[in-house]
PDB file of N, CA and C in Angstrom:
ATOM      1  N   MET A   1     -82.395  27.756   6.646  1.00  0.00           N
ATOM      2  CA  MET A   1     -81.372  29.386   6.736  1.00  0.00           C
ATOM      3  C   MET A   1     -80.311  28.725   4.945  1.00  0.00           C
ATOM      4  N   SER A   2     -80.938  29.091   3.682  1.00  0.00           N
ATOM      5  CA  SER A   2     -80.332  28.433   2.354  1.00  0.00           C
ATOM      6  C   SER A   2     -79.419  29.683   2.474  1.00  0.00           C
ATOM      7  N   SER A   3     -78.267  28.528   1.850  1.00  0.00           N
ATOM      8  CA  SER A   3     -77.310  29.127   2.116  1.00  0.00           C
ATOM      9  C   SER A   3     -76.271  30.999   1.255  1.00  0.00           C
ATOM     10  N   ASP A   4     -77.816  31.016   0.558  1.00  0.00           N
ATOM     11  CA  ASP A   4     -77.696  31.776  -0.886  1.00  0.00           C
ATOM     12  C   ASP A   4     -77.227  33.017  -0.089  1.00  0.00           C
ATOM     13  N   ASN A   5     -78.423  33.156   0.783  1.00  0.00           N
ATOM     14  CA  ASN A   5     -78.650  34.331   1.369  1.00  0.00           C
ATOM     15  C   ASN A   5     -77.979  34.890   2.761  1.00  0.00           C
ATOM     16  N   PHE A   6     -76.488  33.984   2.528  1.00  0.00           N
ATOM     17  CA  PHE A   6     -75.622  34.355   3.525  1.00  0.00           C
ATOM     18  C   PHE A   6     -75.006  35.457   2.747  1.00  0.00           C
ATOM     19  N   TYR A   7     -74.554  34.933   1.841  1.00  0.00           N
ATOM     20  CA  TYR A   7     -74.264  36.298   0.188  1.00  0.00           C
ATOM     21  C   TYR A   7     -75.148  37.335  -0.076  1.00  0.00           C
ATOM     22  N   LEU A   8     -74.898  38.453   1.248  1.00  0.00           N
ATOM     23  CA  LEU A   8     -75.670  39.888   0.945  1.00  0.00           C
ATOM     24  C   LEU A   8     -75.656  40.788   0.719  1.00  0.00           C
ATOM     25  N   ASP A   9     -75.370  42.212  -0.586  1.00  0.00           N
ATOM     26  CA  ASP A   9     -74.260  42.474  -1.218  1.00  0.00           C
ATOM     27  C   ASP A   9     -74.045  43.664   0.039  1.00  0.00           C
ATOM     28  N   ALA A  10     -73.392  45.290  -0.922  1.00  0.00           N
ATOM     29  CA  ALA A  10     -74.265  46.300   0.747  1.00  0.00           C
ATOM     30  C   ALA A  10     -75.617  46.504   0.947  1.00  0.00           C
ATOM     31  N   ASN A  11     -75.892  46.687   0.078  1.00  0.00           N
ATOM     32  CA  ASN A  11     -77.433  47.211  -0.381  1.00  0.00           C
ATOM     33  C   ASN A  11     -78.606  45.711  -0.017  1.00  0.00           C
ATOM     34  N   GLY A  12     -78.073  44.793   0.402  1.00  0.00           N
ATOM     35  CA  GLY A  12     -79.180  43.645   0.804  1.00  0.00           C
ATOM     36  C   GLY A  12     -79.427  43.128   0.254  1.00  0.00           C
ATOM     37  N   LYS A  13     -78.581  43.093  -1.344  1.00  0.00           N
ATOM     38  CA  LYS A  13     -79.337  41.812  -2.099  1.00  0.00           C
ATOM     39  C   LYS A  13     -78.953  41.145  -2.118  1.00  0.00           C
ATOM     40  N   SER A  14     -79.403  39.842  -3.354  1.00  0.00           N
ATOM     41  CA  SER A  14     -78.422  38.150  -2.759  1.00  0.00           C
ATOM     42  C   SER A  14     -77.352  37.843  -3.543  1.00  0.00           C
ATOM     43  N   ILE A  15     -75.951  37.578  -3.156  1.00  0.00           N
ATOM     44  CA  ILE A  15     -75.751  37.386  -4.569  1.00  0.00           C
ATOM     45  C   ILE A  15     -75.201  36.509  -4.808  1.00  0.00           C
ATOM     46  N   GLN A  16     -75.180  36.411  -6.207  1.00  0.00           N
ATOM     47  CA  GLN A  16     -75.203  34.929  -6.718  1.00  0.00           C
ATOM     48  C   GLN A  16     -74.206  34.274  -8.038  1.00  0.00           C
ATOM     49  N   LYS A  17     -73.913  33.436  -8.614  1.00  0.00           N
ATOM     50  CA  LYS A  17     -72.725  32.416  -8.945  1.00  0.00           C
ATOM     51  C   LYS A  17     -73.099  33.693 -10.596  1.00  0.00           C
ATOM     52  N   PHE A  18     -72.099  34.646 -11.379  1.00  0.00           N
ATOM     53  CA  PHE A  18     -72.326  34.808 -12.358  1.00  0.00           C
ATOM     54  C   PHE A  18     -72.609  36.652 -12.542  1.00  0.00           C
ATOM     55  N   ASP A  19     -73.382  36.846 -11.008  1.00  0.00           N
ATOM     56  CA  ASP A  19     -73.433  37.995 -11.067  1.00  0.00           C
ATOM     57  C   ASP A  19     -73.235  39.018 -11.014  1.00  0.00           C
ATOM     58  N   GLU A  20     -72.898  40.126 -11.978  1.00  0.00           N
ATOM     59  CA  GLU A  20     -71.791  41.107 -12.333  1.00  0.00           C
ATOM     60  C   GLU A  20     -71.750  42.332 -10.631  1.00  0.00           C
ATOM     61  N   VAL A  21     -70.509  42.520 -10.534  1.00  0.00           N
ATOM     62  CA  VAL A  21     -71.197  43.644  -9.002  1.00  0.00           C
ATOM     63  C   VAL A  21     -69.332  45.093  -9.526  1.00  0.00           C
ATOM     64  N   GLU A  22     -69.774  45.320  -8.598  1.00  0.00           N
ATOM     65  CA  GLU A  22     -69.534  46.086  -8.560  1.00  0.00           C
ATOM     66  C   GLU A  22     -68.430  46.000  -7.379  1.00  0.00           C
ATOM     67  N   VAL A  23     -67.305  46.555  -7.267  1.00  0.00           N
ATOM     68  CA  VAL A  23     -65.810  46.077  -6.881  1.00  0.00           C
ATOM     69  C   VAL A  23     -65.598  47.580  -5.947  1.00  0.00           C
ATOM     70  N   PRO A  24     -65.739  47.565  -4.763  1.00  0.00           N
ATOM     71  CA  PRO A  24     -64.871  49.068  -4.265  1.00  0.00           C
ATOM     72  C   PRO A  24     -63.521  49.076  -4.622  1.00  0.00           C
ATOM     73  N   GLU A  25     -63.304  51.040  -4.272  1.00  0.00           N
ATOM     74  CA  GLU A  25     -61.656  51.216  -4.140  1.00  0.00           C
ATOM     75  C   GLU A  25     -61.160  50.469  -2.869  1.00  0.00           C
ATOM     76  N   PRO A  26     -59.747  50.367  -3.052  1.00  0.00           N
ATOM     77  CA  PRO A  26     -58.974  49.341  -1.935  1.00  0.00           C
ATOM     78  C   PRO A  26     -58.755  49.693  -1.079  1.00  0.00           C
ATOM     79  N   ASN A  27     -58.255  49.493  -0.472  1.00  0.00           N
ATOM     80  CA  ASN A  27     -58.538  49.570   1.830  1.00  0.00           C
ATOM     81  C   ASN A  27     -57.154  48.885   1.895  1.00  0.00           C
ATOM     82  N   ASP A  28     -56.133  49.202   2.865  1.00  0.00           N
ATOM     83  CA  ASP A  28     -54.651  48.493   3.067  1.00  0.00           C
ATOM     84  C   ASP A  28     -55.217  47.051   2.825  1.00  0.00           C
ATOM     85  N   THR A  29     -55.787  46.444   3.189  1.00  0.00           N
ATOM     86  CA  THR A  29     -55.179  45.017   3.141  1.00  0.00           C
ATOM     87  C   THR A  29     -55.719  44.106   1.860  1.00  0.00           C
ATOM     88  N   ASP A  30     -56.306  45.323   0.798  1.00  0.00           N
ATOM     89  CA  ASP A  30     -56.814  44.742  -0.089  1.00  0.00           C
ATOM     90  C   ASP A  30     -55.535  44.533  -1.445  1.00  0.00           C
ATOM     91  N   ILE A  31     -56.004  43.236  -2.093  1.00  0.00           N
ATOM     92  CA  ILE A  31     -54.450  43.730  -3.514  1.00  0.00           C
ATOM     93  C   ILE A  31     -55.014  43.810  -4.751  1.00  0.00           C
ATOM     94  N   HIS A  32     -56.016  44.800  -4.729  1.00  0.00           N
ATOM     95  CA  HIS A  32     -55.693  45.014  -6.073  1.00  0.00           C
ATOM     96  C   HIS A  32     -56.138  47.120  -6.080  1.00  0.00           C
ATOM     97  N   ASN A  33     -56.019  46.578  -7.361  1.00  0.00           N
ATOM     98  CA  ASN A  33     -55.510  48.772  -7.183  1.00  0.00           C
ATOM     99  C   ASN A  33     -56.219  49.844  -7.816  1.00  0.00           C
ATOM    100  N   ASN A  34     -57.645  49.176  -7.911  1.00  0.00           N
ATOM    101  CA  ASN A  34     -58.831  49.959  -7.903  1.00  0.00           C
ATOM    102  C   ASN A  34     -60.297  50.102  -8.329  1.00  0.00           C
ATOM    103  N   ALA A  35     -61.241  50.253  -7.556  1.00  0.00           N
ATOM    104  CA  ALA A  35     -62.782  49.820  -8.072  1.00  0.00           C
ATOM    105  C   ALA A  35     -62.220  49.255  -9.477  1.00  0.00           C
ATOM    106  N   PHE A  36     -63.389  48.447  -9.378  1.00  0.00           N
ATOM    107  CA  PHE A  36     -63.334  47.416 -11.061  1.00  0.00           C
ATOM    108  C   PHE A  36     -65.146  46.596 -10.536  1.00  0.00           C
ATOM    109  N   THR A  37     -65.453  46.111 -12.339  1.00  0.00           N
ATOM    110  CA  THR A  37     -66.537  45.956 -12.490  1.00  0.00           C
ATOM    111  C   THR A  37     -66.396  44.718 -13.157  1.00  0.00           C
ATOM    112  N   GLY A  38     -66.984  43.087 -11.771  1.00  0.00           N
ATOM    113  CA  GLY A  38     -66.575  42.246 -12.916  1.00  0.00           C
ATOM    114  C   GLY A  38     -67.488  40.965 -11.895  1.00  0.00           C
ATOM    115  N   MET A  39     -67.273  39.706 -12.557  1.00  0.00           N
ATOM    116  CA  MET A  39     -68.326  38.688 -12.714  1.00  0.00           C
ATOM    117  C   MET A  39     -68.044  37.644 -11.059  1.00  0.00           C
ATOM    118  N   VAL A  40     -68.607  37.541 -10.654  1.00  0.00           N
ATOM    119  CA  VAL A  40     -68.506  36.364  -9.456  1.00  0.00           C
ATOM    120  C   VAL A  40     -68.615  35.392 -10.147  1.00  0.00           C
ATOM    121  N   ASP A  41     -67.256  34.571  -9.540  1.00  0.00           N
ATOM    122  CA  ASP A  41     -66.578  32.762  -9.973  1.00  0.00           C
ATOM    123  C   ASP A  41     -67.506  32.215  -9.190  1.00  0.00           C
ATOM    124  N   ASN A  42     -67.447  32.186  -7.619  1.00  0.00           N
ATOM    125  CA  ASN A  42     -67.457  31.728  -6.902  1.00  0.00           C
ATOM    126  C   ASN A  42     -68.182  32.188  -5.591  1.00  0.00           C
ATOM    127  N   LEU A  43     -68.913  31.410  -4.724  1.00  0.00           N
ATOM    128  CA  LEU A  43     -68.816  31.834  -3.233  1.00  0.00           C
ATOM    129  C   LEU A  43     -68.397  30.655  -2.429  1.00  0.00           C
ATOM    130  N   LYS A  44     -67.387  31.256  -1.422  1.00  0.00           N
ATOM    131  CA  LYS A  44     -66.993  29.893  -0.274  1.00  0.00           C
ATOM    132  C   LYS A  44     -66.441  30.430   0.850  1.00  0.00           C
ATOM    133  N   ASN A  45     -66.759  29.724   1.940  1.00  0.00           N
ATOM    134  CA  ASN A  45     -66.711  30.123   2.757  1.00  0.00           C
ATOM    135  C   ASN A  45     -66.687  31.789   3.600  1.00  0.00           C
ATOM    136  N   GLY A  46     -67.995  32.002   2.845  1.00  0.00           N
ATOM    137  CA  GLY A  46     -67.920  33.677   3.442  1.00  0.00           C
ATOM    138  C   GLY A  46     -67.406  34.493   2.401  1.00  0.00           C
ATOM    139  N   TYR A  47     -66.853  34.506   1.822  1.00  0.00           N
ATOM    140  CA  TYR A  47     -66.605  35.112   0.382  1.00  0.00           C
ATOM    141  C   TYR A  47     -66.450  35.560  -1.019  1.00  0.00           C
ATOM    142  N   VAL A  48     -66.899  35.517  -1.791  1.00  0.00           N
ATOM    143  CA  VAL A  48     -67.411  36.000  -2.899  1.00  0.00           C
ATOM    144  C   VAL A  48     -65.864  35.990  -3.822  1.00  0.00           C
ATOM    145  N   VAL A  49     -65.945  35.119  -4.533  1.00  0.00           N
ATOM    146  CA  VAL A  49     -64.984  35.074  -5.249  1.00  0.00           C
ATOM    147  C   VAL A  49     -65.115  35.973  -7.341  1.00  0.00           C
ATOM    148  N   VAL A  50     -64.330  36.830  -6.984  1.00  0.00           N
ATOM    149  CA  VAL A  50     -64.962  37.424  -8.194  1.00  0.00           C
ATOM    150  C   VAL A  50     -63.473  37.716  -8.724  1.00  0.00           C
ATOM    151  N   VAL A  51     -64.290  37.960 -10.345  1.00  0.00           N
ATOM    152  CA  VAL A  51     -62.605  37.855 -11.518  1.00  0.00           C
ATOM    153  C   VAL A  51     -63.200  38.492 -12.070  1.00  0.00           C
ATOM    154  N   ASP A  52     -62.134  39.149 -12.573  1.00  0.00           N
ATOM    155  CA  ASP A  52     -62.415  40.657 -13.162  1.00  0.00           C
ATOM    156  C   ASP A  52     -61.575  40.820 -15.093  1.00  0.00           C
ATOM    157  N   GLN A  53     -61.651  41.967 -15.196  1.00  0.00           N
ATOM    158  CA  GLN A  53     -60.999  41.581 -16.717  1.00  0.00           C
ATOM    159  C   GLN A  53     -60.476  40.731 -17.714  1.00  0.00           C
ATOM    160  N   ASP A  54     -59.279  41.112 -16.414  1.00  0.00           N
ATOM    161  CA  ASP A  54     -57.819  40.506 -17.061  1.00  0.00           C
ATOM    162  C   ASP A  54     -57.762  39.450 -16.272  1.00  0.00           C
ATOM    163  N   GLN A  55     -58.991  38.430 -16.014  1.00  0.00           N
ATOM    164  CA  GLN A  55     -59.097  37.334 -15.741  1.00  0.00           C
ATOM    165  C   GLN A  55     -58.182  36.977 -14.130  1.00  0.00           C
ATOM    166  N   ASN A  56     -57.722  37.938 -13.646  1.00  0.00           N
ATOM    167  CA  ASN A  56     -57.264  38.353 -11.927  1.00  0.00           C
ATOM    168  C   ASN A  56     -58.737  37.293 -11.113  1.00  0.00           C
ATOM    169  N   PHE A  57     -58.331  36.465 -10.286  1.00  0.00           N
ATOM    170  CA  PHE A  57     -59.305  36.166  -8.973  1.00  0.00           C
ATOM    171  C   PHE A  57     -58.803  36.954  -7.681  1.00  0.00           C
ATOM    172  N   TYR A  58     -60.181  37.294  -6.702  1.00  0.00           N
ATOM    173  CA  TYR A  58     -60.167  38.552  -6.168  1.00  0.00           C
ATOM    174  C   TYR A  58     -60.900  38.172  -5.312  1.00  0.00           C
ATOM    175  N   GLU A  59     -60.429  37.408  -3.758  1.00  0.00           N
ATOM    176  CA  GLU A  59     -61.984  37.224  -2.544  1.00  0.00           C
ATOM    177  C   GLU A  59     -62.911  38.266  -2.074  1.00  0.00           C
ATOM    178  N   PHE A  60     -63.408  38.853  -1.372  1.00  0.00           N
ATOM    179  CA  PHE A  60     -64.106  40.049  -0.924  1.00  0.00           C
ATOM    180  C   PHE A  60     -65.054  39.426   0.010  1.00  0.00           C
ATOM    181  N   GLU A  61     -64.679  39.903   1.487  1.00  0.00           N
ATOM    182  CA  GLU A  61     -66.261  39.874   1.784  1.00  0.00           C
ATOM    183  C   GLU A  61     -67.933  40.372   0.970  1.00  0.00           C
ATOM    184  N   PRO A  62     -69.032  40.132   1.093  1.00  0.00           N
ATOM    185  CA  PRO A  62     -70.142  40.285   0.748  1.00  0.00           C
ATOM    186  C   PRO A  62     -70.624  41.417   0.433  1.00  0.00           C
ATOM    187  N   GLU A  63     -70.592  42.108   2.071  1.00  0.00           N
ATOM    188  CA  GLU A  63     -70.824  43.158   2.213  1.00  0.00           C
ATOM    189  C   GLU A  63     -70.193  44.378   1.754  1.00  0.00           C
ATOM    190  N   ARG A  64     -69.718  44.189   1.024  1.00  0.00           N
ATOM    191  CA  ARG A  64     -68.745  45.435   0.112  1.00  0.00           C
ATOM    192  C   ARG A  64     -68.858  45.454  -1.260  1.00  0.00           C
ATOM    193  N   LEU A  65     -69.578  44.830  -1.500  1.00  0.00           N
ATOM    194  CA  LEU A  65     -69.787  44.488  -2.996  1.00  0.00           C
ATOM    195  C   LEU A  65     -71.567  45.657  -3.262  1.00  0.00           C
ATOM    196  N   GLU A  66     -71.285  45.778  -4.655  1.00  0.00           N
ATOM    197  CA  GLU A  66     -72.790  46.222  -4.905  1.00  0.00           C
ATOM    198  C   GLU A  66     -73.263  44.856  -6.217  1.00  0.00           C
ATOM    199  N   VAL A  67     -74.143  44.676  -6.688  1.00  0.00           N
ATOM    200  CA  VAL A  67     -74.684  43.557  -7.328  1.00  0.00           C
ATOM    201  C   VAL A  67     -74.967  44.437  -8.186  1.00  0.00           C
ATOM    202  N   LEU A  68     -75.322  44.091  -9.577  1.00  0.00           N
ATOM    203  CA  LEU A  68     -75.824  44.654 -10.653  1.00  0.00           C
ATOM    204  C   LEU A  68     -76.534  44.295 -11.724  1.00  0.00           C
ATOM    205  N   LYS A  69     -78.348  44.747 -10.979  1.00  0.00           N
ATOM    206  CA  LYS A  69     -78.911  44.569 -11.667  1.00  0.00           C
ATOM    207  C   LYS A  69     -80.070  44.797 -12.457  1.00  0.00           C
TER     208      LYS A  69
END
């Protein structure tokens, strides 16, 4: 099984580096303040690293994101 298939968004779409993704409103354990659109910077250890427009990096479970394609 390819490691790319491990990273599926909320709709079952494969997440890849440089994809544009929609990040949801924060939950109690998140450090971001609001929903935003960002770019996938990396895929590691089961998490998707997303960078926002201010060059802040956040790690998310892939199923919380939505790929914008």
